[in-house]
């Protein structure tokens, strides 16, 4: 066999091996709990069944404009409808029992939350986490949200949907709720893993959204919730792919440094973005994940709580900006 033919076979062999290795890697990139995400086809097949309820997590205005046929609205964005006016969960679970029962959700109902792009993505994950906290074991998120529904060639409807009322009973799984008390123990070195789902600027104290900026001492990793989605189009639509967690180009690979067998809490500013991290932990098979509900807005404003990289909110700078804005408003009003 001449050298030319040998070279051809070697190149062909390398190409085939490369493809095999890629397919092996892709095959390994599977969610531990894939049923937590559903496709548009799954929703379409099941939405008219009595034991399925699909929840549109956008505001009422978006819902009325056009929603998945058969989907219900909670009247507000999910993160508002399902939490109190301080953006925290209701610890009085009877409020959830009344709300879910009223909209047709029972303990035997499959509940699917969906969203429209990154703006309302975490509304859906807030709904997911709260239902898991309440002990509901049939809760899902439509992967890719409304974008995935449209791309599957499905239509939208503008007719409001109301389901028959039923009974829902909470069976709280307290371990899924991260408390500030537990985080204070982490700050002192309890050994529990802690993920900061905020941006890098928030983490290091350059973007301050409480009285103080910085992060909790002994935070294990800082991975912005939006950076866990690998591609620009996925960051726009909210599409989640297991393969992204093997992609060295994404910061979500940092999750691989964590011990899935250890208790792990996620936090952000108000416990909203971190619900996406909670969903990701559940998908990846973490044994004891939780969302820290109060998060940085509460923690950073308590002056006796230890803070790493501590920075103080610039009230003087804010006052200057307010005065400048007031002058601009006064000028505009004077021109009328």
C-alpha atoms as a PDB file:
ATOM      1  CA  UNK A   1       0.000   0.000   0.000  1.00  0.00           C
ATOM      2  CA  UNK A   2       1.516   3.325  -1.032  1.00  0.00           C
ATOM      3  CA  UNK A   3       1.901   6.288   1.339  1.00  0.00           C
ATOM      4  CA  UNK A   4      -1.019   8.193  -0.235  1.00  0.00           C
ATOM      5  CA  UNK A   5      -3.487   5.376   0.506  1.00  0.00           C
ATOM      6  CA  UNK A   6      -2.059   4.925   4.002  1.00  0.00           C
ATOM      7  CA  UNK A   7      -2.585   8.645   4.698  1.00  0.00           C
ATOM      8  CA  UNK A   8      -6.179   8.425   3.478  1.00  0.00           C
ATOM      9  CA  UNK A   9      -6.936   5.515   5.816  1.00  0.00           C
ATOM     10  CA  UNK A  10      -5.263   7.244   8.742  1.00  0.00           C
ATOM     11  CA  UNK A  11      -7.306  10.426   8.190  1.00  0.00           C
ATOM     12  CA  UNK A  12     -10.504   8.381   7.832  1.00  0.00           C
ATOM     13  CA  UNK A  13      -9.702   6.483  11.039  1.00  0.00           C
ATOM     14  CA  UNK A  14      -9.099   9.718  12.957  1.00  0.00           C
ATOM     15  CA  UNK A  15     -12.356  11.228  11.686  1.00  0.00           C
ATOM     16  CA  UNK A  16     -14.325   8.147  12.724  1.00  0.00           C
ATOM     17  CA  UNK A  17     -12.648   8.092  16.154  1.00  0.00           C
ATOM     18  CA  UNK A  18     -13.381  11.782  16.629  1.00  0.00           C
ATOM     19  CA  UNK A  19     -17.024  11.208  15.822  1.00  0.00           C
ATOM     20  CA  UNK A  20     -17.165   8.220  18.152  1.00  0.00           C
ATOM     21  CA  UNK A  21     -15.640  10.202  21.020  1.00  0.00           C
ATOM     22  CA  UNK A  22     -18.068  13.087  20.391  1.00  0.00           C
ATOM     23  CA  UNK A  23     -21.065  10.743  20.343  1.00  0.00           C
ATOM     24  CA  UNK A  24     -19.844   9.087  23.552  1.00  0.00           C
ATOM     25  CA  UNK A  25     -19.538  12.471  25.256  1.00  0.00           C
ATOM     26  CA  UNK A  26     -22.980  13.515  24.059  1.00  0.00           C
ATOM     27  CA  UNK A  27     -24.433  10.238  25.222  1.00  0.00           C
ATOM     28  CA  UNK A  28     -22.924  10.769  28.672  1.00  0.00           C
ATOM     29  CA  UNK A  29     -24.400  14.253  28.874  1.00  0.00           C
ATOM     30  CA  UNK A  30     -27.778  13.222  30.158  1.00  0.00           C
ATOM     31  CA  UNK A  31     -29.864  14.657  32.969  1.00  0.00           C
ATOM     32  CA  UNK A  32     -30.172  12.503  36.075  1.00  0.00           C
ATOM     33  CA  UNK A  33     -33.850  13.550  36.307  1.00  0.00           C
ATOM     34  CA  UNK A  34     -34.897  14.308  32.702  1.00  0.00           C
ATOM     35  CA  UNK A  35     -38.625  14.145  33.489  1.00  0.00           C
ATOM     36  CA  UNK A  36     -38.449  17.542  35.196  1.00  0.00           C
ATOM     37  CA  UNK A  37     -38.250  19.113  31.718  1.00  0.00           C
ATOM     38  CA  UNK A  38     -40.936  18.458  29.116  1.00  0.00           C
ATOM     39  CA  UNK A  39     -41.068  19.132  25.387  1.00  0.00           C
ATOM     40  CA  UNK A  40     -43.720  20.956  23.371  1.00  0.00           C
ATOM     41  CA  UNK A  41     -44.882  17.566  22.027  1.00  0.00           C
ATOM     42  CA  UNK A  42     -45.399  16.254  25.566  1.00  0.00           C
ATOM     43  CA  UNK A  43     -47.451  19.318  26.455  1.00  0.00           C
ATOM     44  CA  UNK A  44     -49.542  19.000  23.296  1.00  0.00           C
ATOM     45  CA  UNK A  45     -50.301  15.315  23.979  1.00  0.00           C
ATOM     46  CA  UNK A  46     -51.331  15.859  27.572  1.00  0.00           C
ATOM     47  CA  UNK A  47     -52.715  19.382  27.990  1.00  0.00           C
ATOM     48  CA  UNK A  48     -56.346  18.327  27.571  1.00  0.00           C
ATOM     49  CA  UNK A  49     -56.107  15.534  30.140  1.00  0.00           C
ATOM     50  CA  UNK A  50     -57.889  16.159  33.432  1.00  0.00           C
ATOM     51  CA  UNK A  51     -54.739  15.442  35.446  1.00  0.00           C
ATOM     52  CA  UNK A  52     -52.538  17.964  33.597  1.00  0.00           C
ATOM     53  CA  UNK A  53     -52.456  21.741  34.163  1.00  0.00           C
ATOM     54  CA  UNK A  54     -50.184  24.016  32.147  1.00  0.00           C
ATOM     55  CA  UNK A  55     -49.420  27.393  33.730  1.00  0.00           C
ATOM     56  CA  UNK A  56     -48.451  30.474  31.715  1.00  0.00           C
ATOM     57  CA  UNK A  57     -45.995  32.315  33.970  1.00  0.00           C
ATOM     58  CA  UNK A  58     -46.228  35.675  32.186  1.00  0.00           C
ATOM     59  CA  UNK A  59     -48.447  38.537  33.267  1.00  0.00           C
ATOM     60  CA  UNK A  60     -52.108  38.633  32.342  1.00  0.00           C
ATOM     61  CA  UNK A  61     -51.461  41.028  29.441  1.00  0.00           C
ATOM     62  CA  UNK A  62     -49.144  38.566  27.695  1.00  0.00           C
ATOM     63  CA  UNK A  63     -51.468  35.663  28.424  1.00  0.00           C
ATOM     64  CA  UNK A  64     -54.513  37.356  26.869  1.00  0.00           C
ATOM     65  CA  UNK A  65     -52.487  38.305  23.781  1.00  0.00           C
ATOM     66  CA  UNK A  66     -51.748  34.678  23.032  1.00  0.00           C
ATOM     67  CA  UNK A  67     -51.017  31.560  25.083  1.00  0.00           C
ATOM     68  CA  UNK A  68     -50.720  27.809  24.655  1.00  0.00           C
ATOM     69  CA  UNK A  69     -54.285  26.526  24.069  1.00  0.00           C
ATOM     70  CA  UNK A  70     -55.575  25.084  27.330  1.00  0.00           C
ATOM     71  CA  UNK A  71     -53.030  26.869  29.547  1.00  0.00           C
ATOM     72  CA  UNK A  72     -54.159  28.840  32.584  1.00  0.00           C
ATOM     73  CA  UNK A  73     -52.910  32.118  34.077  1.00  0.00           C
ATOM     74  CA  UNK A  74     -52.476  32.920  37.769  1.00  0.00           C
ATOM     75  CA  UNK A  75     -53.456  36.513  37.021  1.00  0.00           C
ATOM     76  CA  UNK A  76     -49.933  37.815  37.582  1.00  0.00           C
ATOM     77  CA  UNK A  77     -46.405  36.737  36.750  1.00  0.00           C
ATOM     78  CA  UNK A  78     -45.662  33.567  38.697  1.00  0.00           C
ATOM     79  CA  UNK A  79     -42.971  35.130  40.851  1.00  0.00           C
ATOM     80  CA  UNK A  80     -45.540  37.678  42.058  1.00  0.00           C
ATOM     81  CA  UNK A  81     -48.583  35.425  42.266  1.00  0.00           C
ATOM     82  CA  UNK A  82     -46.718  32.779  44.283  1.00  0.00           C
ATOM     83  CA  UNK A  83     -44.822  34.974  46.775  1.00  0.00           C
ATOM     84  CA  UNK A  84     -45.582  37.769  49.200  1.00  0.00           C
ATOM     85  CA  UNK A  85     -44.848  41.457  48.594  1.00  0.00           C
ATOM     86  CA  UNK A  86     -41.283  41.004  49.893  1.00  0.00           C
ATOM     87  CA  UNK A  87     -40.614  38.351  47.185  1.00  0.00           C
ATOM     88  CA  UNK A  88     -40.568  35.543  49.738  1.00  0.00           C
ATOM     89  CA  UNK A  89     -42.623  32.354  49.849  1.00  0.00           C
ATOM     90  CA  UNK A  90     -45.686  32.195  52.054  1.00  0.00           C
ATOM     91  CA  UNK A  91     -44.755  30.131  55.085  1.00  0.00           C
ATOM     92  CA  UNK A  92     -48.475  29.719  55.705  1.00  0.00           C
ATOM     93  CA  UNK A  93     -49.042  26.879  53.233  1.00  0.00           C
ATOM     94  CA  UNK A  94     -52.818  27.225  53.426  1.00  0.00           C
ATOM     95  CA  UNK A  95     -52.458  30.146  50.994  1.00  0.00           C
ATOM     96  CA  UNK A  96     -50.993  27.783  48.397  1.00  0.00           C
ATOM     97  CA  UNK A  97     -53.569  25.111  49.107  1.00  0.00           C
ATOM     98  CA  UNK A  98     -56.339  27.600  48.465  1.00  0.00           C
ATOM     99  CA  UNK A  99     -54.697  29.060  45.320  1.00  0.00           C
ATOM    100  CA  UNK A 100     -53.769  25.776  43.657  1.00  0.00           C
ATOM    101  CA  UNK A 101     -57.067  24.132  44.503  1.00  0.00           C
ATOM    102  CA  UNK A 102     -58.920  27.096  43.013  1.00  0.00           C
ATOM    103  CA  UNK A 103     -57.091  26.841  39.646  1.00  0.00           C
ATOM    104  CA  UNK A 104     -57.599  23.083  39.344  1.00  0.00           C
ATOM    105  CA  UNK A 105     -54.335  21.693  40.699  1.00  0.00           C
ATOM    106  CA  UNK A 106     -54.585  18.671  42.991  1.00  0.00           C
ATOM    107  CA  UNK A 107     -51.873  16.430  44.443  1.00  0.00           C
ATOM    108  CA  UNK A 108     -52.341  14.073  41.471  1.00  0.00           C
ATOM    109  CA  UNK A 109     -52.010  16.795  38.825  1.00  0.00           C
ATOM    110  CA  UNK A 110     -49.018  17.108  36.506  1.00  0.00           C
ATOM    111  CA  UNK A 111     -48.141  20.813  36.544  1.00  0.00           C
ATOM    112  CA  UNK A 112     -46.119  22.391  33.729  1.00  0.00           C
ATOM    113  CA  UNK A 113     -44.797  25.941  34.083  1.00  0.00           C
ATOM    114  CA  UNK A 114     -43.788  27.806  30.953  1.00  0.00           C
ATOM    115  CA  UNK A 115     -42.256  31.181  30.131  1.00  0.00           C
ATOM    116  CA  UNK A 116     -41.384  33.408  27.187  1.00  0.00           C
ATOM    117  CA  UNK A 117     -37.634  34.021  26.980  1.00  0.00           C
ATOM    118  CA  UNK A 118     -35.228  34.962  29.762  1.00  0.00           C
ATOM    119  CA  UNK A 119     -37.443  37.771  31.069  1.00  0.00           C
ATOM    120  CA  UNK A 120     -39.945  35.300  32.521  1.00  0.00           C
ATOM    121  CA  UNK A 121     -37.748  32.175  32.648  1.00  0.00           C
ATOM    122  CA  UNK A 122     -37.211  32.471  36.391  1.00  0.00           C
ATOM    123  CA  UNK A 123     -40.953  32.989  36.906  1.00  0.00           C
ATOM    124  CA  UNK A 124     -41.326  29.387  35.764  1.00  0.00           C
ATOM    125  CA  UNK A 125     -38.476  28.150  37.951  1.00  0.00           C
ATOM    126  CA  UNK A 126     -39.923  30.000  40.964  1.00  0.00           C
ATOM    127  CA  UNK A 127     -43.137  28.041  40.381  1.00  0.00           C
ATOM    128  CA  UNK A 128     -41.151  24.811  40.009  1.00  0.00           C
ATOM    129  CA  UNK A 129     -39.212  25.316  43.243  1.00  0.00           C
ATOM    130  CA  UNK A 130     -42.251  26.349  45.291  1.00  0.00           C
ATOM    131  CA  UNK A 131     -44.214  23.284  44.200  1.00  0.00           C
ATOM    132  CA  UNK A 132     -41.274  21.032  45.053  1.00  0.00           C
ATOM    133  CA  UNK A 133     -40.983  22.780  48.431  1.00  0.00           C
ATOM    134  CA  UNK A 134     -44.680  21.999  48.938  1.00  0.00           C
ATOM    135  CA  UNK A 135     -43.918  18.335  48.245  1.00  0.00           C
ATOM    136  CA  UNK A 136     -45.514  18.095  44.811  1.00  0.00           C
ATOM    137  CA  UNK A 137     -43.789  15.323  42.839  1.00  0.00           C
ATOM    138  CA  UNK A 138     -45.385  15.962  39.439  1.00  0.00           C
ATOM    139  CA  UNK A 139     -44.036  19.391  38.505  1.00  0.00           C
ATOM    140  CA  UNK A 140     -42.246  20.210  35.243  1.00  0.00           C
ATOM    141  CA  UNK A 141     -40.911  23.105  33.163  1.00  0.00           C
ATOM    142  CA  UNK A 142     -41.499  23.387  29.397  1.00  0.00           C
ATOM    143  CA  UNK A 143     -37.950  23.398  28.043  1.00  0.00           C
ATOM    144  CA  UNK A 144     -37.537  26.424  25.786  1.00  0.00           C
ATOM    145  CA  UNK A 145     -40.884  27.864  26.868  1.00  0.00           C
ATOM    146  CA  UNK A 146     -43.185  29.560  24.399  1.00  0.00           C
ATOM    147  CA  UNK A 147     -40.371  29.721  21.854  1.00  0.00           C
ATOM    148  CA  UNK A 148     -40.188  25.908  21.771  1.00  0.00           C
ATOM    149  CA  UNK A 149     -43.976  25.708  21.398  1.00  0.00           C
ATOM    150  CA  UNK A 150     -43.955  28.046  18.403  1.00  0.00           C
ATOM    151  CA  UNK A 151     -40.972  26.362  16.759  1.00  0.00           C
ATOM    152  CA  UNK A 152     -42.806  23.040  16.945  1.00  0.00           C
ATOM    153  CA  UNK A 153     -45.400  24.597  14.622  1.00  0.00           C
ATOM    154  CA  UNK A 154     -48.103  25.036  17.234  1.00  0.00           C
ATOM    155  CA  UNK A 155     -50.611  27.862  17.360  1.00  0.00           C
ATOM    156  CA  UNK A 156     -51.550  30.193  20.216  1.00  0.00           C
ATOM    157  CA  UNK A 157     -54.978  31.003  21.608  1.00  0.00           C
ATOM    158  CA  UNK A 158     -56.349  34.126  23.299  1.00  0.00           C
ATOM    159  CA  UNK A 159     -59.318  32.546  25.071  1.00  0.00           C
ATOM    160  CA  UNK A 160     -58.930  32.505  28.882  1.00  0.00           C
ATOM    161  CA  UNK A 161     -59.030  29.026  30.415  1.00  0.00           C
ATOM    162  CA  UNK A 162     -60.562  28.125  33.755  1.00  0.00           C
ATOM    163  CA  UNK A 163     -60.208  24.666  35.299  1.00  0.00           C
ATOM    164  CA  UNK A 164     -62.650  23.082  37.719  1.00  0.00           C
ATOM    165  CA  UNK A 165     -61.700  23.686  41.350  1.00  0.00           C
ATOM    166  CA  UNK A 166     -60.201  20.801  43.313  1.00  0.00           C
ATOM    167  CA  UNK A 167     -58.263  20.123  46.527  1.00  0.00           C
ATOM    168  CA  UNK A 168     -54.532  20.552  47.050  1.00  0.00           C
ATOM    169  CA  UNK A 169     -52.735  19.645  50.273  1.00  0.00           C
ATOM    170  CA  UNK A 170     -49.175  20.749  50.966  1.00  0.00           C
ATOM    171  CA  UNK A 171     -46.641  18.166  52.134  1.00  0.00           C
ATOM    172  CA  UNK A 172     -43.741  20.522  52.846  1.00  0.00           C
ATOM    173  CA  UNK A 173     -40.212  19.244  52.173  1.00  0.00           C
ATOM    174  CA  UNK A 174     -38.371  21.590  54.509  1.00  0.00           C
ATOM    175  CA  UNK A 175     -34.924  20.587  53.222  1.00  0.00           C
ATOM    176  CA  UNK A 176     -35.675  22.353  49.920  1.00  0.00           C
ATOM    177  CA  UNK A 177     -35.924  25.679  51.748  1.00  0.00           C
ATOM    178  CA  UNK A 178     -32.607  27.370  52.541  1.00  0.00           C
ATOM    179  CA  UNK A 179     -32.812  29.693  55.542  1.00  0.00           C
ATOM    180  CA  UNK A 180     -30.632  32.640  56.558  1.00  0.00           C
ATOM    181  CA  UNK A 181     -29.873  30.781  59.780  1.00  0.00           C
ATOM    182  CA  UNK A 182     -28.363  27.906  57.811  1.00  0.00           C
ATOM    183  CA  UNK A 183     -26.362  30.314  55.641  1.00  0.00           C
ATOM    184  CA  UNK A 184     -24.894  31.967  58.754  1.00  0.00           C
ATOM    185  CA  UNK A 185     -23.539  28.545  59.708  1.00  0.00           C
ATOM    186  CA  UNK A 186     -22.026  28.203  56.218  1.00  0.00           C
ATOM    187  CA  UNK A 187     -20.369  31.615  56.658  1.00  0.00           C
ATOM    188  CA  UNK A 188     -18.714  30.204  59.782  1.00  0.00           C
ATOM    189  CA  UNK A 189     -17.532  27.087  57.953  1.00  0.00           C
ATOM    190  CA  UNK A 190     -20.251  24.424  58.273  1.00  0.00           C
ATOM    191  CA  UNK A 191     -19.044  22.656  55.121  1.00  0.00           C
ATOM    192  CA  UNK A 192     -22.348  22.973  53.245  1.00  0.00           C
ATOM    193  CA  UNK A 193     -21.891  23.960  49.582  1.00  0.00           C
ATOM    194  CA  UNK A 194     -23.148  27.405  48.566  1.00  0.00           C
ATOM    195  CA  UNK A 195     -23.646  28.675  44.998  1.00  0.00           C
ATOM    196  CA  UNK A 196     -23.904  32.409  44.270  1.00  0.00           C
ATOM    197  CA  UNK A 197     -26.163  32.693  41.188  1.00  0.00           C
ATOM    198  CA  UNK A 198     -25.652  36.457  40.832  1.00  0.00           C
ATOM    199  CA  UNK A 199     -23.368  38.253  38.393  1.00  0.00           C
ATOM    200  CA  UNK A 200     -19.649  38.582  39.040  1.00  0.00           C
ATOM    201  CA  UNK A 201     -20.086  42.317  39.759  1.00  0.00           C
ATOM    202  CA  UNK A 202     -22.677  41.554  42.442  1.00  0.00           C
ATOM    203  CA  UNK A 203     -20.453  38.844  43.888  1.00  0.00           C
ATOM    204  CA  UNK A 204     -17.409  41.098  44.289  1.00  0.00           C
ATOM    205  CA  UNK A 205     -19.451  44.061  45.537  1.00  0.00           C
ATOM    206  CA  UNK A 206     -19.318  46.364  42.510  1.00  0.00           C
ATOM    207  CA  UNK A 207     -23.064  46.045  41.895  1.00  0.00           C
ATOM    208  CA  UNK A 208     -24.692  46.702  45.274  1.00  0.00           C
ATOM    209  CA  UNK A 209     -28.389  45.914  45.719  1.00  0.00           C
ATOM    210  CA  UNK A 210     -28.640  45.912  49.519  1.00  0.00           C
ATOM    211  CA  UNK A 211     -27.116  48.101  52.228  1.00  0.00           C
ATOM    212  CA  UNK A 212     -23.882  46.192  51.643  1.00  0.00           C
ATOM    213  CA  UNK A 213     -22.382  44.472  48.633  1.00  0.00           C
ATOM    214  CA  UNK A 214     -20.162  41.404  48.523  1.00  0.00           C
ATOM    215  CA  UNK A 215     -20.890  37.739  49.158  1.00  0.00           C
ATOM    216  CA  UNK A 216     -21.329  35.195  51.910  1.00  0.00           C
ATOM    217  CA  UNK A 217     -18.005  33.966  53.347  1.00  0.00           C
ATOM    218  CA  UNK A 218     -17.275  30.360  52.270  1.00  0.00           C
ATOM    219  CA  UNK A 219     -19.390  30.650  49.120  1.00  0.00           C
ATOM    220  CA  UNK A 220     -18.225  27.660  47.067  1.00  0.00           C
ATOM    221  CA  UNK A 221     -18.665  29.039  43.544  1.00  0.00           C
ATOM    222  CA  UNK A 222     -20.118  32.056  41.742  1.00  0.00           C
ATOM    223  CA  UNK A 223     -21.956  31.061  38.544  1.00  0.00           C
ATOM    224  CA  UNK A 224     -24.365  33.639  37.109  1.00  0.00           C
ATOM    225  CA  UNK A 225     -27.699  31.978  36.350  1.00  0.00           C
ATOM    226  CA  UNK A 226     -27.658  33.198  32.744  1.00  0.00           C
ATOM    227  CA  UNK A 227     -24.147  31.846  32.123  1.00  0.00           C
ATOM    228  CA  UNK A 228     -25.331  28.301  32.770  1.00  0.00           C
ATOM    229  CA  UNK A 229     -26.899  28.443  29.298  1.00  0.00           C
ATOM    230  CA  UNK A 230     -24.135  27.923  26.770  1.00  0.00           C
ATOM    231  CA  UNK A 231     -25.215  29.552  23.511  1.00  0.00           C
ATOM    232  CA  UNK A 232     -26.520  33.037  22.771  1.00  0.00           C
ATOM    233  CA  UNK A 233     -29.755  31.664  21.303  1.00  0.00           C
ATOM    234  CA  UNK A 234     -30.302  29.545  24.420  1.00  0.00           C
ATOM    235  CA  UNK A 235     -29.685  32.544  26.645  1.00  0.00           C
ATOM    236  CA  UNK A 236     -32.436  34.293  24.700  1.00  0.00           C
ATOM    237  CA  UNK A 237     -34.990  31.462  24.672  1.00  0.00           C
ATOM    238  CA  UNK A 238     -34.102  29.744  27.953  1.00  0.00           C
ATOM    239  CA  UNK A 239     -33.474  26.371  26.293  1.00  0.00           C
ATOM    240  CA  UNK A 240     -31.615  23.976  28.597  1.00  0.00           C
ATOM    241  CA  UNK A 241     -29.290  21.304  27.228  1.00  0.00           C
ATOM    242  CA  UNK A 242     -27.515  18.621  29.210  1.00  0.00           C
ATOM    243  CA  UNK A 243     -24.576  18.850  26.791  1.00  0.00           C
ATOM    244  CA  UNK A 244     -23.931  22.431  27.946  1.00  0.00           C
ATOM    245  CA  UNK A 245     -22.718  21.064  31.260  1.00  0.00           C
ATOM    246  CA  UNK A 246     -19.831  19.321  29.495  1.00  0.00           C
ATOM    247  CA  UNK A 247     -18.951  22.364  27.405  1.00  0.00           C
ATOM    248  CA  UNK A 248     -15.691  23.898  28.583  1.00  0.00           C
ATOM    249  CA  UNK A 249     -16.763  27.244  27.126  1.00  0.00           C
ATOM    250  CA  UNK A 250     -19.533  27.651  29.701  1.00  0.00           C
ATOM    251  CA  UNK A 251     -19.128  28.536  33.353  1.00  0.00           C
ATOM    252  CA  UNK A 252     -21.777  25.925  34.162  1.00  0.00           C
ATOM    253  CA  UNK A 253     -18.932  23.414  33.961  1.00  0.00           C
ATOM    254  CA  UNK A 254     -17.980  24.779  37.384  1.00  0.00           C
ATOM    255  CA  UNK A 255     -20.847  22.672  38.720  1.00  0.00           C
ATOM    256  CA  UNK A 256     -18.626  19.657  38.065  1.00  0.00           C
ATOM    257  CA  UNK A 257     -16.390  20.786  40.939  1.00  0.00           C
ATOM    258  CA  UNK A 258     -19.262  20.312  43.388  1.00  0.00           C
ATOM    259  CA  UNK A 259     -20.100  17.162  45.324  1.00  0.00           C
ATOM    260  CA  UNK A 260     -23.617  16.077  44.298  1.00  0.00           C
ATOM    261  CA  UNK A 261     -23.903  14.033  47.467  1.00  0.00           C
ATOM    262  CA  UNK A 262     -23.479  17.048  49.770  1.00  0.00           C
ATOM    263  CA  UNK A 263     -26.131  19.534  50.809  1.00  0.00           C
ATOM    264  CA  UNK A 264     -26.014  22.505  48.431  1.00  0.00           C
ATOM    265  CA  UNK A 265     -27.795  25.864  48.619  1.00  0.00           C
ATOM    266  CA  UNK A 266     -28.189  28.453  45.867  1.00  0.00           C
ATOM    267  CA  UNK A 267     -28.727  32.179  46.358  1.00  0.00           C
ATOM    268  CA  UNK A 268     -29.029  35.432  44.424  1.00  0.00           C
ATOM    269  CA  UNK A 269     -30.566  38.808  45.280  1.00  0.00           C
ATOM    270  CA  UNK A 270     -34.149  37.784  46.101  1.00  0.00           C
ATOM    271  CA  UNK A 271     -34.068  34.002  45.738  1.00  0.00           C
ATOM    272  CA  UNK A 272     -35.467  34.275  42.199  1.00  0.00           C
ATOM    273  CA  UNK A 273     -32.551  33.655  39.814  1.00  0.00           C
ATOM    274  CA  UNK A 274     -31.293  30.953  42.170  1.00  0.00           C
ATOM    275  CA  UNK A 275     -34.449  28.910  41.549  1.00  0.00           C
ATOM    276  CA  UNK A 276     -33.001  28.212  38.086  1.00  0.00           C
ATOM    277  CA  UNK A 277     -29.852  26.938  39.805  1.00  0.00           C
ATOM    278  CA  UNK A 278     -32.091  24.789  42.022  1.00  0.00           C
ATOM    279  CA  UNK A 279     -33.756  23.278  38.930  1.00  0.00           C
ATOM    280  CA  UNK A 280     -30.329  22.618  37.408  1.00  0.00           C
ATOM    281  CA  UNK A 281     -29.191  20.867  40.580  1.00  0.00           C
ATOM    282  CA  UNK A 282     -32.280  18.670  40.471  1.00  0.00           C
ATOM    283  CA  UNK A 283     -31.672  17.874  36.795  1.00  0.00           C
ATOM    284  CA  UNK A 284     -28.044  17.023  37.510  1.00  0.00           C
ATOM    285  CA  UNK A 285     -28.958  14.708  40.393  1.00  0.00           C
ATOM    286  CA  UNK A 286     -27.839  16.658  43.475  1.00  0.00           C
ATOM    287  CA  UNK A 287     -29.097  14.708  46.492  1.00  0.00           C
ATOM    288  CA  UNK A 288     -29.931  17.590  48.850  1.00  0.00           C
ATOM    289  CA  UNK A 289     -30.413  20.891  46.985  1.00  0.00           C
ATOM    290  CA  UNK A 290     -32.163  23.985  48.327  1.00  0.00           C
ATOM    291  CA  UNK A 291     -32.980  27.544  47.350  1.00  0.00           C
ATOM    292  CA  UNK A 292     -32.122  30.254  49.878  1.00  0.00           C
ATOM    293  CA  UNK A 293     -35.356  32.195  49.837  1.00  0.00           C
ATOM    294  CA  UNK A 294     -34.308  35.445  51.549  1.00  0.00           C
ATOM    295  CA  UNK A 295     -30.948  35.635  49.756  1.00  0.00           C
ATOM    296  CA  UNK A 296     -28.717  38.707  49.565  1.00  0.00           C
ATOM    297  CA  UNK A 297     -31.331  41.449  49.907  1.00  0.00           C
ATOM    298  CA  UNK A 298     -31.996  40.334  53.469  1.00  0.00           C
ATOM    299  CA  UNK A 299     -28.523  39.070  54.350  1.00  0.00           C
ATOM    300  CA  UNK A 300     -26.594  42.078  53.009  1.00  0.00           C
ATOM    301  CA  UNK A 301     -28.840  44.488  54.898  1.00  0.00           C
ATOM    302  CA  UNK A 302     -28.248  42.845  58.282  1.00  0.00           C
ATOM    303  CA  UNK A 303     -25.203  44.648  59.664  1.00  0.00           C
ATOM    304  CA  UNK A 304     -24.205  41.850  62.042  1.00  0.00           C
ATOM    305  CA  UNK A 305     -23.926  39.245  59.269  1.00  0.00           C
ATOM    306  CA  UNK A 306     -20.363  38.548  58.047  1.00  0.00           C
ATOM    307  CA  UNK A 307     -19.647  39.615  54.450  1.00  0.00           C
ATOM    308  CA  UNK A 308     -16.708  38.779  52.188  1.00  0.00           C
ATOM    309  CA  UNK A 309     -15.545  41.579  49.863  1.00  0.00           C
ATOM    310  CA  UNK A 310     -17.721  44.014  51.803  1.00  0.00           C
ATOM    311  CA  UNK A 311     -18.715  47.241  50.045  1.00  0.00           C
ATOM    312  CA  UNK A 312     -21.231  49.827  51.276  1.00  0.00           C
ATOM    313  CA  UNK A 313     -24.054  51.254  49.259  1.00  0.00           C
ATOM    314  CA  UNK A 314     -23.277  54.797  48.065  1.00  0.00           C
ATOM    315  CA  UNK A 315     -26.297  56.750  49.312  1.00  0.00           C
ATOM    316  CA  UNK A 316     -24.608  60.112  48.591  1.00  0.00           C
ATOM    317  CA  UNK A 317     -24.101  59.088  44.965  1.00  0.00           C
ATOM    318  CA  UNK A 318     -27.704  57.995  44.703  1.00  0.00           C
ATOM    319  CA  UNK A 319     -28.918  61.318  46.106  1.00  0.00           C
ATOM    320  CA  UNK A 320     -26.908  63.173  43.435  1.00  0.00           C
ATOM    321  CA  UNK A 321     -28.496  61.066  40.695  1.00  0.00           C
ATOM    322  CA  UNK A 322     -31.959  61.709  42.134  1.00  0.00           C
ATOM    323  CA  UNK A 323     -31.331  65.485  42.177  1.00  0.00           C
ATOM    324  CA  UNK A 324     -30.145  65.425  38.552  1.00  0.00           C
ATOM    325  CA  UNK A 325     -33.237  63.474  37.568  1.00  0.00           C
ATOM    326  CA  UNK A 326     -35.490  65.918  39.415  1.00  0.00           C
ATOM    327  CA  UNK A 327     -33.899  68.837  37.512  1.00  0.00           C
ATOM    328  CA  UNK A 328     -34.496  67.099  34.169  1.00  0.00           C
ATOM    329  CA  UNK A 329     -38.121  66.418  35.095  1.00  0.00           C
ATOM    330  CA  UNK A 330     -38.581  70.069  36.156  1.00  0.00           C
ATOM    331  CA  UNK A 331     -37.170  71.264  32.794  1.00  0.00           C
ATOM    332  CA  UNK A 332     -39.461  68.964  30.845  1.00  0.00           C
ATOM    333  CA  UNK A 333     -42.477  70.122  32.832  1.00  0.00           C
ATOM    334  CA  UNK A 334     -41.464  73.769  32.230  1.00  0.00           C
ATOM    335  CA  UNK A 335     -41.499  73.194  28.465  1.00  0.00           C
ATOM    336  CA  UNK A 336     -45.090  71.925  28.517  1.00  0.00           C
END
